[in-house]
Amino acid sequence: MLYRNWSYVSDFERVVVIVEDELFIQSMLAEGLRSSGFKVETASTVAEARKVIARIEPDAVLLDIDLGAGPNGLDLGESLLAQSPDIAVVYLTVLADPRLAGGKSRQVSPRAAYLNKRSITSIESVLRALEAVLHDADVSEFRNDKTDAGITSKLSNAQLDALKLISMGLTNQQIADARAKSLSATEALISRTFESLGIDASAGANARIIAVRSFLASGGMSNVDEI
């Protein structure tokens, strides 16, 4: 449902760039924001977004994180925030844990909003998050990476990387080779990973299946080719 009489419309036209590769979602967001008084530009890739942003210098960007091969939305958003103290960033993603994004950056700035697409029921929640970041307000209400990270929040970065590789079907030896670690160290890491997830490692192949299901439930398998 699109809200056409949103109360946050300002006295001047603010500019937002939507970076989303799913065209239906992109068009729905654009329609909702335009109906609420924003000037909207769109892009489907990071490269395209950089060109649009350089041309119009927007007040805010709405960024999908998984944008295909190459830099992702998190990489772009965090670089924008580092370069400009004034730009507002809202991430829109199915990834409960931003560390699942891969790419160069796994950290989310405290100035940014992070919304799980599965939790969005209307354009209103996106607009509220956008207004919060535009006004440097408290964004804790709009940080689903803090509230919805689920099982992966229990894992260290090394454990999360191991879980990604398990989900890709790699054996313990292949995981060791990919991480340039010894087999014994890798087996110990995987054992600790299963323990953190509450999985009985003695279950063998079943333990790996349960771990993969847990990983997928958190939105995993996005950008796993970038590990």
Protein backbone atom coordinates (compact mmCIF):
# COMPACT_ATOMS: atom_id res chain seq x y z
CA MET A 1 0.00 0.00 0.00
CA LEU A 2 1.43 3.38 -1.00
CA TYR A 3 0.81 6.37 1.24
CA ARG A 4 0.06 9.38 -0.94
CA ASN A 5 -0.51 11.94 1.82
CA TRP A 6 2.59 11.41 3.90
CA SER A 7 2.93 14.03 6.63
CA TYR A 8 6.72 14.37 6.36
CA VAL A 9 6.70 16.21 3.03
CA SER A 10 9.07 19.16 3.42
CA ASP A 11 8.96 22.72 2.12
CA PHE A 12 11.66 21.92 -0.45
CA GLU A 13 12.10 19.04 -2.82
CA ARG A 14 14.64 16.58 -1.53
CA VAL A 15 16.45 14.26 -3.89
CA VAL A 16 16.72 10.51 -3.34
CA VAL A 17 18.50 7.90 -5.44
CA ILE A 18 17.03 4.40 -5.31
CA VAL A 19 19.56 1.66 -6.11
CA GLU A 20 17.62 -1.56 -6.66
CA ASP A 21 18.05 -4.22 -9.34
CA GLU A 22 14.56 -5.69 -8.97
CA LEU A 23 12.61 -3.36 -11.24
CA PHE A 24 9.21 -3.99 -9.64
CA ILE A 25 10.52 -3.05 -6.18
CA GLN A 26 12.40 -0.11 -7.69
CA SER A 27 9.25 1.25 -9.33
CA MET A 28 7.13 0.77 -6.20
CA LEU A 29 9.65 2.63 -4.05
CA ALA A 30 9.99 5.40 -6.63
CA GLU A 31 6.22 5.86 -6.84
CA GLY A 32 5.88 5.97 -3.07
CA LEU A 33 8.65 8.51 -2.61
CA ARG A 34 7.48 10.74 -5.45
CA SER A 35 3.96 10.68 -4.00
CA SER A 36 5.48 11.88 -0.73
CA GLY A 37 7.23 14.89 -2.23
CA PHE A 38 10.67 13.57 -3.09
CA LYS A 39 12.47 13.94 -6.38
CA VAL A 40 13.62 10.43 -7.31
CA GLU A 41 16.36 9.04 -9.54
CA THR A 42 16.96 5.32 -9.96
CA ALA A 43 19.83 2.94 -10.71
CA SER A 44 20.18 -0.83 -10.93
CA THR A 45 23.92 -1.30 -10.38
CA VAL A 46 26.67 0.26 -8.27
CA ALA A 47 28.40 1.61 -11.38
CA GLU A 48 25.20 3.23 -12.61
CA ALA A 49 24.46 4.58 -9.14
CA ARG A 50 27.86 6.24 -8.86
CA LYS A 51 27.23 8.13 -12.10
CA VAL A 52 23.78 9.28 -10.99
CA ILE A 53 25.01 10.31 -7.53
CA ALA A 54 27.94 12.28 -8.98
CA ARG A 55 25.57 14.08 -11.34
CA ILE A 56 22.81 15.11 -8.94
CA GLU A 57 24.39 15.02 -5.42
CA PRO A 58 21.32 13.56 -3.67
CA ASP A 59 20.18 14.16 -0.12
CA ALA A 60 19.72 10.42 0.43
CA VAL A 61 20.14 7.00 -1.14
CA LEU A 62 18.04 3.86 -0.70
CA LEU A 63 20.28 0.90 -1.35
CA ASP A 64 19.60 -2.73 -1.99
CA ILE A 65 22.67 -4.64 -0.81
CA ASP A 66 22.75 -7.58 -3.22
CA LEU A 67 23.33 -5.97 -6.62
CA GLY A 68 25.06 -8.79 -8.45
CA ALA A 69 28.75 -9.21 -9.17
CA GLY A 70 31.24 -6.60 -8.02
CA PRO A 71 30.80 -4.01 -5.26
CA ASN A 72 27.52 -4.32 -3.40
CA GLY A 73 25.16 -1.77 -1.90
CA LEU A 74 26.88 -1.92 1.47
CA ASP A 75 30.23 -1.10 -0.12
CA LEU A 76 28.66 1.86 -1.92
CA GLY A 77 26.72 3.16 1.06
CA GLU A 78 29.61 3.06 3.48
CA SER A 79 31.93 4.77 0.98
CA LEU A 80 29.34 7.52 0.48
CA LEU A 81 28.99 8.03 4.22
CA ALA A 82 32.77 8.21 4.60
CA GLN A 83 33.03 10.83 1.85
CA SER A 84 30.04 12.99 2.75
CA PRO A 85 28.84 13.79 6.28
CA ASP A 86 25.52 15.06 4.94
CA ILE A 87 24.21 12.19 2.85
CA ALA A 88 21.54 9.90 4.34
CA VAL A 89 21.60 6.15 3.70
CA VAL A 90 18.89 3.52 4.07
CA TYR A 91 19.78 -0.10 3.28
CA LEU A 92 17.02 -2.41 2.04
CA THR A 93 17.92 -6.10 2.04
CA VAL A 94 16.86 -9.66 2.73
CA LEU A 95 20.09 -10.22 4.64
CA ALA A 96 19.39 -10.35 8.37
CA ASP A 97 23.11 -10.03 9.09
CA PRO A 98 25.13 -7.52 6.99
CA ARG A 99 28.19 -9.76 7.28
CA LEU A 100 26.44 -12.09 4.84
CA ALA A 101 26.85 -9.47 2.13
CA GLY A 102 30.49 -10.23 1.41
CA GLY A 103 32.33 -7.57 -0.57
CA LYS A 104 34.74 -5.13 1.03
CA SER A 105 32.55 -3.77 3.80
CA ARG A 106 30.67 -5.69 6.44
CA GLN A 107 30.13 -2.85 8.87
CA VAL A 108 27.05 -0.64 8.91
CA SER A 109 27.50 2.98 9.93
CA PRO A 110 25.52 4.04 13.03
CA ARG A 111 24.19 6.88 10.86
CA ALA A 112 22.49 4.50 8.42
CA ALA A 113 19.14 2.70 8.61
CA TYR A 114 19.03 -1.03 7.82
CA LEU A 115 15.66 -2.50 6.88
CA ASN A 116 14.95 -6.15 6.19
CA LYS A 117 12.70 -6.28 3.12
CA ARG A 118 10.75 -9.13 4.67
CA SER A 119 9.71 -6.82 7.51
CA ILE A 120 8.47 -4.01 5.27
CA THR A 121 4.69 -4.03 4.98
CA SER A 122 4.22 -0.62 3.34
CA ILE A 123 6.12 2.38 2.04
CA GLU A 124 5.45 4.09 5.37
CA SER A 125 8.20 2.21 7.20
CA VAL A 126 10.70 3.13 4.48
CA LEU A 127 9.66 6.79 4.65
CA ARG A 128 9.97 6.86 8.44
CA ALA A 129 13.47 5.41 8.23
CA LEU A 130 14.38 7.88 5.50
CA GLU A 131 13.17 10.82 7.58
CA ALA A 132 15.17 9.59 10.58
CA VAL A 133 18.45 9.46 8.67
CA LEU A 134 17.75 12.76 6.88
CA HIS A 135 17.32 14.50 10.23
CA ASP A 136 20.19 12.71 12.03
CA ALA A 137 17.62 11.26 14.44
CA ASP A 138 17.86 8.06 16.45
CA VAL A 139 17.81 5.19 13.94
CA SER A 140 17.72 2.31 16.45
CA GLU A 141 14.12 1.58 15.47
CA PHE A 142 15.30 1.12 11.89
CA ARG A 143 18.27 -1.18 12.47
CA ASN A 144 17.02 -4.68 11.68
CA ASP A 145 20.64 -5.85 11.58
CA LYS A 146 20.65 -5.32 15.35
CA THR A 147 17.24 -6.85 16.07
CA ASP A 148 16.80 -9.57 13.44
CA ALA A 149 20.30 -10.98 12.88
CA GLY A 150 19.19 -14.33 14.24
CA ILE A 151 21.53 -17.29 14.51
CA THR A 152 24.43 -15.71 12.62
CA SER A 153 24.79 -13.04 15.32
CA LYS A 154 26.29 -15.79 17.50
CA LEU A 155 29.12 -16.41 15.05
CA SER A 156 32.52 -14.78 14.70
CA ASN A 157 33.59 -13.58 11.26
CA ALA A 158 35.73 -16.69 10.84
CA GLN A 159 32.84 -18.95 11.82
CA LEU A 160 30.51 -17.14 9.43
CA ASP A 161 33.00 -17.55 6.59
CA ALA A 162 33.25 -21.27 7.37
CA LEU A 163 29.46 -21.56 7.36
CA LYS A 164 29.29 -19.85 3.97
CA LEU A 165 31.78 -22.32 2.55
CA ILE A 166 29.89 -25.27 4.05
CA SER A 167 26.75 -23.91 2.38
CA MET A 168 28.59 -23.92 -0.94
CA GLY A 169 29.14 -27.67 -0.51
CA LEU A 170 32.88 -27.54 0.22
CA THR A 171 34.54 -30.31 2.21
CA ASN A 172 36.61 -29.58 5.30
CA GLN A 173 39.79 -29.89 3.24
CA GLN A 174 38.46 -27.53 0.57
CA ILE A 175 37.47 -25.04 3.26
CA ALA A 176 40.96 -25.27 4.74
CA ASP A 177 42.48 -24.64 1.31
CA ALA A 178 40.14 -21.69 0.62
CA ARG A 179 41.03 -20.08 3.95
CA ALA A 180 44.73 -21.01 3.77
CA LYS A 181 44.49 -22.81 7.10
CA SER A 182 45.43 -26.30 8.25
CA LEU A 183 42.86 -29.07 8.16
CA SER A 184 43.00 -29.52 11.94
CA ALA A 185 42.42 -25.79 12.54
CA THR A 186 39.54 -25.84 10.08
CA GLU A 187 37.91 -28.86 11.71
CA ALA A 188 38.18 -27.12 15.08
CA LEU A 189 36.63 -23.96 13.61
CA ILE A 190 33.74 -25.92 12.12
CA SER A 191 33.20 -27.74 15.40
CA ARG A 192 33.02 -24.39 17.26
CA THR A 193 30.65 -23.08 14.59
CA PHE A 194 28.27 -25.99 15.08
CA GLU A 195 28.51 -25.57 18.85
CA SER A 196 27.62 -21.86 18.56
CA LEU A 197 24.60 -22.82 16.46
CA GLY A 198 23.51 -25.47 18.96
CA ILE A 199 24.15 -28.28 16.47
CA ASP A 200 25.52 -31.66 17.52
CA ALA A 201 28.72 -31.99 15.48
CA SER A 202 28.67 -35.78 15.95
CA ALA A 203 25.64 -35.90 13.64
CA GLY A 204 28.07 -35.83 10.69
CA ALA A 205 26.40 -35.01 7.37
CA ASN A 206 23.16 -34.14 9.14
CA ALA A 207 24.99 -31.47 11.14
CA ARG A 208 26.10 -29.83 7.91
CA ILE A 209 22.57 -29.96 6.50
CA ILE A 210 21.14 -28.35 9.64
CA ALA A 211 23.86 -25.66 9.51
CA VAL A 212 23.10 -24.89 5.87
CA ARG A 213 19.38 -24.60 6.59
CA SER A 214 20.15 -22.16 9.41
CA PHE A 215 22.36 -20.17 7.08
CA LEU A 216 19.71 -19.99 4.36
CA ALA A 217 17.09 -18.93 6.89
CA SER A 218 19.21 -15.88 7.68
CA GLY A 219 19.31 -14.85 4.03
CA GLY A 220 22.59 -16.54 3.26
CA MET A 221 23.96 -17.58 -0.12
CA SER A 222 23.96 -13.97 -1.32
CA ASN A 223 27.28 -13.06 -2.92
CA VAL A 224 28.89 -16.27 -1.72
CA ASP A 225 31.02 -16.16 -4.86
CA GLU A 226 32.83 -13.15 -3.38
CA ILE A 227 34.30 -15.01 -0.39
